Amino acid sequence: MSRAGVVLCRCNTLIDSKMDFNTIERRLQKHKNIVFIQRVNMACSPAGKQIIEEMASLHGIDSLVAVACSPLAKGSVFKDLTRKLGIDKNMLEIVNIREQCAWVHEYDDATSKGLTLINMGINRVVKAQPDSTTINCAMINKIKCDKCKRCLEECPNRAISINDDGYPAVNPDLCQRCGVCIGGCPLAVISLPDFKVDEISAMLKGASGAKSPFIVGFFCDFAYEEADKMGQAGSAYSPNLHIIRVPCTGAVNMITVNDAIAEGVDGVLIAGCDASQCKRKRGNEVARYRIENFQKSLEEQFLEKERLSYVSLGEGLKEASIINDDKCNRCGACQQVCPYGAIKQQDEGKFQVYYKACRSCGICAAACKPGAILVPVCPDKKIMNAIDAALAI
């Protein structure tokens, strides 16, 4: 049986002043897998970490649920702490109740939603197993794999090939850990070290007793960050939405969605990048395709197709790169290296940057030998000034 410790971070009163920690602690004490619950004023402070270390050592925990701020804010702190405690990296769950509960909902709603998210987090670490592998890439369970080769077709980075034994193999050097292969596997036998279909399904079981209608949101890293920003700005949204972070919308397997609806979830929202902006190249495209197919399945079961929806979040775009036609020699190197397909050749031979797809990463400018491309957010003059300043130190 798992021995989980739960840390409730007050965040210097920024959290517990906006939700009922007494009720949360009282309800959590009934969980059979929890061996201690500890409130800490600031879990990220030296004093807070010392308290956690003492409690963990006293109770001999094998997993930790950190109920605190966003994993994007202090995730590295808790990862370092669990490493120091000898707890496997996969046995840590950070539950975001600051940005996505306390700062966006009224007191009672924040408490209710927070308790549900904590239960979901506990369910994940209870289901999780220590991960001894040191390879940080997609992993395929050959015992369950039926050699359908679907993962080869859907991998946007061509990181998967067929071994001599006929099973797919992942190249760690090419794998970008986007999880698109996970979302496309019809048997759900592919996983990432920190993202496994069975663990996500276990989280959904923690939704029992939640406020109805219960909505689960699978948010990619970009969309998750946008949700955090809404919390920081105090922009309220429905407390019925419970967000689960995924590496990419393409990583959401429809088996997981089916499990969610079977567990009584009223609706599933998948939120990701806008068209042509996916950092994983085509994760949002395959996600939309899968959603359309699953919606047809819902209608065949006499369920509303709106129970599963995709929300596209427009990114705060930076100014696009600019091509100087007078300097351009029409070599096409920029088009070849652009990872987002933002550069197209026109009928007259000129190359044009499509601003909606451009991320101002500067890869095209680095590849342009005649120096015909300007990146407004980081012009050559700014780079040279930075170099001069560094050399002057």
Protein backbone atom coordinates (compact mmCIF):
# COMPACT_ATOMS: atom_id res chain seq x y z
CA MET A 1 0.00 0.00 0.00
CA SER A 2 1.23 3.47 -0.90
CA ARG A 3 2.40 5.73 1.92
CA ALA A 4 1.70 9.27 0.72
CA GLY A 5 2.45 12.50 2.49
CA VAL A 6 0.40 15.62 1.78
CA VAL A 7 1.83 19.11 2.20
CA LEU A 8 -0.64 21.99 2.36
CA CYS A 9 1.26 25.18 1.55
CA ARG A 10 -0.31 28.37 2.91
CA CYS A 11 1.83 30.45 0.54
CA ASN A 12 2.21 33.06 3.29
CA THR A 13 -1.63 33.26 3.63
CA LEU A 14 -2.11 33.81 -0.14
CA ILE A 15 -3.92 30.46 -0.34
CA ASP A 16 -5.47 29.51 2.99
CA SER A 17 -7.05 32.93 3.45
CA LYS A 18 -9.13 32.25 0.33
CA MET A 19 -10.20 28.63 1.00
CA ASP A 20 -11.06 26.40 3.95
CA PHE A 21 -7.94 24.40 4.86
CA ASN A 22 -9.67 22.96 7.96
CA THR A 23 -12.33 21.27 5.85
CA ILE A 24 -9.76 20.05 3.33
CA GLU A 25 -7.55 18.57 6.05
CA ARG A 26 -10.49 16.92 7.80
CA ARG A 27 -11.70 15.29 4.59
CA LEU A 28 -8.21 14.10 3.60
CA GLN A 29 -7.68 12.37 6.94
CA LYS A 30 -10.17 9.72 5.79
CA HIS A 31 -7.92 8.65 2.91
CA LYS A 32 -6.31 5.29 3.71
CA ASN A 33 -3.16 5.95 1.68
CA ILE A 34 -2.22 9.19 3.47
CA VAL A 35 0.16 8.82 6.42
CA PHE A 36 0.56 12.50 7.24
CA ILE A 37 -0.88 15.90 6.36
CA GLN A 38 1.30 18.89 7.13
CA ARG A 39 0.51 22.57 6.78
CA VAL A 40 3.50 24.74 5.95
CA ASN A 41 3.60 28.51 5.74
CA MET A 42 5.89 28.52 2.69
CA ALA A 43 6.87 25.10 1.41
CA CYS A 44 9.52 26.57 -0.90
CA SER A 45 11.37 28.32 1.95
CA PRO A 46 14.31 26.70 3.82
CA ALA A 47 12.18 26.44 6.98
CA GLY A 48 9.29 24.90 5.03
CA LYS A 49 11.51 22.34 3.32
CA GLN A 50 13.04 21.37 6.64
CA ILE A 51 9.60 20.69 8.14
CA ILE A 52 8.68 18.53 5.14
CA GLU A 53 11.95 16.60 5.38
CA GLU A 54 11.39 15.90 9.09
CA MET A 55 7.82 14.69 8.56
CA ALA A 56 8.79 12.56 5.57
CA SER A 57 11.62 10.92 7.52
CA LEU A 58 9.38 10.32 10.55
CA HIS A 59 6.61 8.61 8.58
CA GLY A 60 8.67 6.88 5.88
CA ILE A 61 6.63 8.10 2.91
CA ASP A 62 7.16 6.77 -0.63
CA SER A 63 5.21 9.52 -2.43
CA LEU A 64 4.49 13.21 -1.96
CA VAL A 65 1.50 15.36 -2.91
CA ALA A 66 2.48 19.03 -2.78
CA VAL A 67 -0.65 21.18 -2.56
CA ALA A 68 0.67 24.59 -3.43
CA CYS A 69 1.16 26.96 -6.34
CA SER A 70 1.59 26.14 -10.01
CA PRO A 71 4.16 23.49 -10.99
CA LEU A 72 5.36 26.05 -13.52
CA ALA A 73 6.30 28.33 -10.62
CA LYS A 74 7.89 26.04 -8.02
CA GLY A 75 7.98 22.65 -9.69
CA SER A 76 11.78 22.47 -9.60
CA VAL A 77 11.79 23.14 -5.84
CA PHE A 78 9.62 20.11 -5.09
CA LYS A 79 11.51 17.92 -7.55
CA ASP A 80 14.79 18.76 -5.80
CA LEU A 81 13.16 18.09 -2.44
CA THR A 82 11.85 14.65 -3.40
CA ARG A 83 15.25 13.79 -4.85
CA LYS A 84 16.83 14.71 -1.51
CA LEU A 85 14.26 12.57 0.32
CA GLY A 86 14.99 9.59 -1.92
CA ILE A 87 11.48 9.61 -3.38
CA ASP A 88 11.22 8.58 -7.01
CA LYS A 89 10.51 11.47 -9.41
CA ASN A 90 7.34 9.78 -10.63
CA MET A 91 5.93 9.64 -7.11
CA LEU A 92 5.55 13.42 -6.84
CA GLU A 93 2.33 15.28 -7.70
CA ILE A 94 2.04 19.06 -7.51
CA VAL A 95 -1.57 20.21 -7.10
CA ASN A 96 -2.10 23.78 -8.23
CA ILE A 97 -4.62 25.35 -5.84
CA ARG A 98 -3.23 28.89 -5.88
CA GLU A 99 -3.50 30.08 -9.49
CA GLN A 100 -6.32 27.69 -10.42
CA CYS A 101 -8.42 27.69 -7.24
CA ALA A 102 -7.77 30.33 -4.58
CA TRP A 103 -7.14 33.18 -6.98
CA VAL A 104 -10.02 32.59 -9.40
CA HIS A 105 -12.96 31.27 -7.35
CA GLU A 106 -15.06 32.29 -4.39
CA TYR A 107 -14.21 30.77 -0.98
CA ASP A 108 -16.59 27.78 -1.05
CA ASP A 109 -16.01 26.99 -4.73
CA ALA A 110 -12.24 27.21 -4.29
CA THR A 111 -12.42 24.82 -1.33
CA SER A 112 -14.61 22.29 -3.13
CA LYS A 113 -12.57 22.35 -6.33
CA GLY A 114 -9.29 22.27 -4.42
CA LEU A 115 -10.36 19.15 -2.53
CA THR A 116 -11.27 17.42 -5.81
CA LEU A 117 -7.93 18.31 -7.41
CA ILE A 118 -6.08 17.02 -4.34
CA ASN A 119 -7.98 13.72 -4.47
CA MET A 120 -7.12 13.44 -8.16
CA GLY A 121 -3.45 14.03 -7.34
CA ILE A 122 -3.47 11.43 -4.57
CA ASN A 123 -5.05 8.90 -6.92
CA ARG A 124 -2.26 9.45 -9.42
CA VAL A 125 0.62 8.84 -7.00
CA VAL A 126 -1.17 5.80 -5.55
CA LYS A 127 -1.45 4.35 -9.06
CA ALA A 128 2.08 5.40 -10.05
CA GLN A 129 5.10 3.14 -9.88
CA PRO A 130 8.73 4.19 -9.32
CA ASP A 131 10.43 4.79 -12.64
CA SER A 132 13.97 3.47 -12.69
CA THR A 133 14.64 4.34 -16.33
CA THR A 134 17.05 7.15 -17.13
CA ILE A 135 15.87 7.54 -20.74
CA ASN A 136 13.65 10.59 -21.06
CA CYS A 137 11.62 9.68 -24.12
CA ALA A 138 8.49 7.82 -25.14
CA MET A 139 8.42 4.18 -24.02
CA ILE A 140 6.55 1.33 -25.72
CA ASN A 141 5.27 -1.71 -23.84
CA LYS A 142 6.17 -4.52 -26.25
CA ILE A 143 4.19 -7.07 -24.24
CA LYS A 144 0.93 -5.31 -25.13
CA CYS A 145 1.92 -3.82 -28.51
CA ASP A 146 0.25 -5.44 -31.55
CA LYS A 147 2.70 -3.92 -34.09
CA CYS A 148 0.02 -1.78 -35.76
CA LYS A 149 2.63 0.91 -36.64
CA ARG A 150 0.21 3.73 -35.87
CA CYS A 151 2.89 5.46 -33.76
CA LEU A 152 5.22 5.62 -36.78
CA GLU A 153 2.58 7.39 -38.84
CA GLU A 154 1.71 9.97 -36.22
CA CYS A 155 5.12 10.88 -34.74
CA PRO A 156 5.82 14.43 -36.00
CA ASN A 157 9.57 14.04 -35.48
CA ARG A 158 10.13 10.64 -37.15
CA ALA A 159 11.59 9.40 -33.89
CA ILE A 160 10.03 5.93 -34.16
CA SER A 161 11.22 3.13 -36.41
CA ILE A 162 10.72 -0.64 -36.64
CA ASN A 163 13.23 -2.95 -35.00
CA ASP A 164 14.35 -6.29 -36.40
CA ASP A 165 11.79 -7.98 -34.17
CA GLY A 166 8.98 -6.04 -35.83
CA TYR A 167 8.24 -3.83 -32.81
CA PRO A 168 8.50 -0.04 -32.89
CA ALA A 169 11.54 1.53 -31.22
CA VAL A 170 11.98 5.14 -30.11
CA ASN A 171 15.14 7.11 -30.88
CA PRO A 172 15.87 9.15 -27.70
CA ASP A 173 17.84 11.71 -29.71
CA LEU A 174 14.89 12.50 -31.98
CA CYS A 175 12.00 12.14 -29.51
CA GLN A 176 10.67 15.54 -28.39
CA ARG A 177 8.48 14.04 -25.61
CA CYS A 178 5.35 15.58 -27.14
CA GLY A 179 3.23 12.48 -26.50
CA VAL A 180 1.50 12.55 -29.90
CA CYS A 181 2.26 8.84 -30.22
CA ILE A 182 0.58 8.25 -26.84
CA GLY A 183 -2.59 9.93 -28.01
CA GLY A 184 -2.68 7.88 -31.21
CA CYS A 185 -1.98 4.43 -29.79
CA PRO A 186 -5.22 2.39 -30.02
CA LEU A 187 -4.08 0.12 -27.17
CA ALA A 188 -2.62 2.89 -24.96
CA VAL A 189 0.69 1.03 -24.57
CA ILE A 190 2.95 4.06 -25.01
CA SER A 191 3.94 6.38 -22.18
CA LEU A 192 6.36 9.10 -21.11
CA PRO A 193 8.22 8.94 -17.79
CA ASP A 194 5.95 11.66 -16.38
CA PHE A 195 2.80 11.01 -18.43
CA LYS A 196 1.00 7.67 -18.42
CA VAL A 197 -2.53 6.93 -19.60
CA ASP A 198 -3.34 4.65 -16.67
CA GLU A 199 -2.29 7.32 -14.17
CA ILE A 200 -4.47 9.93 -15.86
CA SER A 201 -7.40 7.51 -15.77
CA ALA A 202 -6.74 6.99 -12.04
CA MET A 203 -6.95 10.76 -11.52
CA LEU A 204 -10.42 10.77 -13.04
CA LYS A 205 -11.61 8.37 -10.36
CA GLY A 206 -10.86 11.08 -7.80
CA ALA A 207 -13.64 13.18 -9.29
CA SER A 208 -16.39 11.35 -7.43
CA GLY A 209 -18.54 13.70 -5.38
CA ALA A 210 -17.36 16.78 -7.27
CA LYS A 211 -19.71 19.63 -8.07
CA SER A 212 -21.89 18.95 -11.11
CA PRO A 213 -21.52 19.45 -14.00
CA PHE A 214 -17.99 18.13 -13.66
CA ILE A 215 -15.70 19.23 -16.50
CA VAL A 216 -12.19 17.93 -17.05
CA GLY A 217 -9.78 20.07 -19.02
CA PHE A 218 -6.70 18.63 -20.70
CA PHE A 219 -4.47 21.66 -21.20
CA CYS A 220 -1.16 21.59 -23.07
CA ASP A 221 1.82 23.36 -21.48
CA PHE A 222 1.02 26.62 -23.27
CA ALA A 223 -2.68 26.54 -22.36
CA TYR A 224 -1.85 25.59 -18.75
CA GLU A 225 0.38 28.64 -18.50
CA GLU A 226 -2.44 30.79 -19.88
CA ALA A 227 -4.77 29.41 -17.18
CA ASP A 228 -2.16 30.38 -14.58
CA LYS A 229 -2.04 33.89 -16.01
CA MET A 230 -5.81 34.16 -15.62
CA GLY A 231 -5.36 33.28 -11.96
CA GLN A 232 -2.64 35.87 -11.52
CA ALA A 233 -4.91 38.47 -13.11
CA GLY A 234 -7.87 37.36 -10.99
CA SER A 235 -9.94 36.53 -14.07
CA ALA A 236 -12.59 34.11 -12.86
CA TYR A 237 -13.86 31.13 -14.82
CA SER A 238 -16.20 28.27 -13.94
CA PRO A 239 -15.16 26.31 -10.82
CA ASN A 240 -16.55 23.22 -12.56
CA LEU A 241 -13.45 23.10 -14.76
CA HIS A 242 -10.67 20.88 -13.37
CA ILE A 243 -7.44 21.15 -15.34
CA ILE A 244 -4.98 18.32 -16.00
CA ARG A 245 -1.69 19.32 -17.60
CA VAL A 246 -0.57 17.34 -20.67
CA PRO A 247 2.59 17.81 -22.79
CA CYS A 248 0.50 18.46 -25.92
CA THR A 249 -3.15 18.19 -26.93
CA GLY A 250 -2.00 15.46 -29.31
CA ALA A 251 -1.05 13.38 -26.26
CA VAL A 252 -4.68 13.01 -25.15
CA ASN A 253 -5.77 9.47 -25.97
CA MET A 254 -9.47 9.01 -26.71
CA ILE A 255 -9.35 5.98 -24.41
CA THR A 256 -8.78 8.47 -21.59
CA VAL A 257 -11.71 10.57 -22.76
CA ASN A 258 -13.90 7.50 -22.89
CA ASP A 259 -12.80 6.54 -19.37
CA ALA A 260 -13.62 10.06 -18.17
CA ILE A 261 -17.18 9.93 -19.50
CA ALA A 262 -17.58 6.39 -18.14
CA GLU A 263 -16.51 7.66 -14.70
CA GLY A 264 -19.32 10.22 -14.76
CA VAL A 265 -17.45 13.25 -16.08
CA ASP A 266 -20.02 15.46 -17.80
CA GLY A 267 -17.70 17.00 -20.33
CA VAL A 268 -14.09 17.06 -21.53
CA LEU A 269 -12.36 20.20 -22.75
CA ILE A 270 -9.08 19.95 -24.64
CA ALA A 271 -7.25 23.27 -24.81
CA GLY A 272 -4.19 23.97 -26.92
CA CYS A 273 -2.51 26.28 -29.35
CA ASP A 274 -4.08 28.12 -32.22
CA ALA A 275 -3.79 26.72 -35.75
CA SER A 276 -0.19 26.66 -37.05
CA GLN A 277 1.20 27.66 -33.63
CA CYS A 278 1.70 24.22 -32.08
CA LYS A 279 5.20 23.92 -30.66
CA ARG A 280 4.97 20.18 -31.31
CA LYS A 281 4.49 20.89 -35.05
CA ARG A 282 1.12 19.16 -35.57
CA GLY A 283 -0.17 18.02 -32.19
CA ASN A 284 -3.24 20.25 -32.34
CA GLU A 285 -4.09 19.00 -35.84
CA VAL A 286 -4.19 15.33 -34.85
CA ALA A 287 -6.07 16.25 -31.65
CA ARG A 288 -8.83 17.89 -33.67
CA TYR A 289 -9.02 14.91 -36.03
CA ARG A 290 -9.38 12.46 -33.14
CA ILE A 291 -11.97 14.65 -31.46
CA GLU A 292 -14.12 14.75 -34.60
CA ASN A 293 -14.08 10.95 -34.80
CA PHE A 294 -14.89 10.55 -31.11
CA GLN A 295 -17.75 13.04 -31.36
CA LYS A 296 -19.34 10.77 -33.98
CA SER A 297 -18.99 7.89 -31.54
CA LEU A 298 -20.74 9.94 -28.86
CA GLU A 299 -23.67 10.64 -31.16
CA GLU A 300 -23.94 6.94 -31.94
CA GLN A 301 -24.36 6.41 -28.20
CA PHE A 302 -27.08 9.11 -28.15
CA LEU A 303 -24.81 11.48 -26.24
CA GLU A 304 -24.21 15.12 -27.13
CA LYS A 305 -21.05 15.58 -29.20
CA GLU A 306 -20.45 18.81 -27.28
CA ARG A 307 -19.37 16.69 -24.32
CA LEU A 308 -15.94 16.74 -25.98
CA SER A 309 -14.66 20.03 -27.34
CA TYR A 310 -11.39 21.63 -28.44
CA VAL A 311 -10.54 25.20 -27.48
CA SER A 312 -7.86 26.99 -29.42
CA LEU A 313 -6.01 29.67 -27.50
CA GLY A 314 -4.38 32.37 -29.58
CA GLU A 315 -0.84 32.98 -28.44
CA GLY A 316 0.49 36.41 -27.55
CA LEU A 317 2.39 36.59 -30.81
CA LYS A 318 5.61 38.49 -31.18
CA GLU A 319 6.34 40.58 -34.22
CA ALA A 320 7.13 38.31 -37.15
CA SER A 321 10.50 38.13 -38.88
CA ILE A 322 10.97 40.29 -41.97
CA ILE A 323 12.64 39.31 -45.27
CA ASN A 324 14.50 42.04 -47.13
CA ASP A 325 13.77 41.26 -50.80
CA ASP A 326 16.72 43.39 -51.97
CA LYS A 327 19.20 41.20 -50.06
CA CYS A 328 17.43 37.86 -50.53
CA ASN A 329 19.10 35.56 -53.11
CA ARG A 330 16.08 33.16 -53.28
CA CYS A 331 18.10 30.19 -51.97
CA GLY A 332 15.17 28.89 -49.90
CA ALA A 333 17.26 27.99 -46.85
CA CYS A 334 14.87 29.88 -44.58
CA GLN A 335 11.90 27.85 -45.77
CA GLN A 336 13.78 24.60 -45.24
CA VAL A 337 14.84 25.30 -41.64
CA CYS A 338 11.65 26.97 -40.34
CA PRO A 339 10.19 24.46 -37.85
CA TYR A 340 6.73 26.05 -37.99
CA GLY A 341 6.19 26.24 -41.75
CA ALA A 342 5.89 30.02 -41.49
CA ILE A 343 7.84 30.83 -44.66
CA LYS A 344 6.32 30.22 -48.09
CA GLN A 345 7.57 30.94 -51.60
CA GLN A 346 5.35 33.13 -53.74
CA ASP A 347 4.63 32.75 -57.46
CA GLU A 348 7.17 35.42 -58.33
CA GLY A 349 9.92 33.52 -56.48
CA LYS A 350 10.00 35.75 -53.42
CA PHE A 351 9.69 34.32 -49.90
CA GLN A 352 7.12 35.61 -47.45
CA VAL A 353 6.76 35.18 -43.69
CA TYR A 354 3.24 34.39 -42.45
CA TYR A 355 2.97 36.32 -39.20
CA LYS A 356 0.38 34.01 -37.59
CA ALA A 357 2.74 31.06 -37.79
CA CYS A 358 6.02 32.88 -37.07
CA ARG A 359 7.33 32.66 -33.51
CA SER A 360 10.30 34.98 -34.02
CA CYS A 361 12.66 32.16 -33.00
CA GLY A 362 15.39 33.45 -35.36
CA ILE A 363 16.32 30.07 -36.87
CA CYS A 364 15.68 31.43 -40.35
CA ALA A 365 17.90 34.46 -39.72
CA ALA A 366 20.75 32.24 -38.56
CA ALA A 367 20.49 30.14 -41.74
CA CYS A 368 20.31 33.12 -44.10
CA LYS A 369 23.79 33.60 -45.60
CA PRO A 370 23.15 37.00 -47.24
CA GLY A 371 21.68 38.33 -43.96
CA ALA A 372 18.35 39.20 -45.54
CA ILE A 373 16.17 38.35 -42.53
CA LEU A 374 15.51 40.68 -39.62
CA VAL A 375 14.11 39.39 -36.32
CA PRO A 376 12.45 42.49 -34.73
CA VAL A 377 12.44 41.12 -31.18
CA CYS A 378 16.19 40.53 -31.32
CA PRO A 379 17.97 42.55 -34.03
CA ASP A 380 21.68 42.23 -34.79
CA LYS A 381 22.43 45.48 -33.01
CA LYS A 382 20.87 44.23 -29.79
CA ILE A 383 22.86 40.99 -30.01
CA MET A 384 26.15 42.82 -30.62
CA ASN A 385 25.47 45.17 -27.72
CA ALA A 386 24.88 42.17 -25.45
CA ILE A 387 28.16 40.61 -26.63
CA ASP A 388 30.06 43.86 -26.02
CA ALA A 389 28.57 44.10 -22.54
CA ALA A 390 29.55 40.51 -21.75
CA LEU A 391 33.12 41.04 -22.98
CA ALA A 392 33.45 44.22 -20.94
CA ILE A 393 32.84 42.40 -17.64
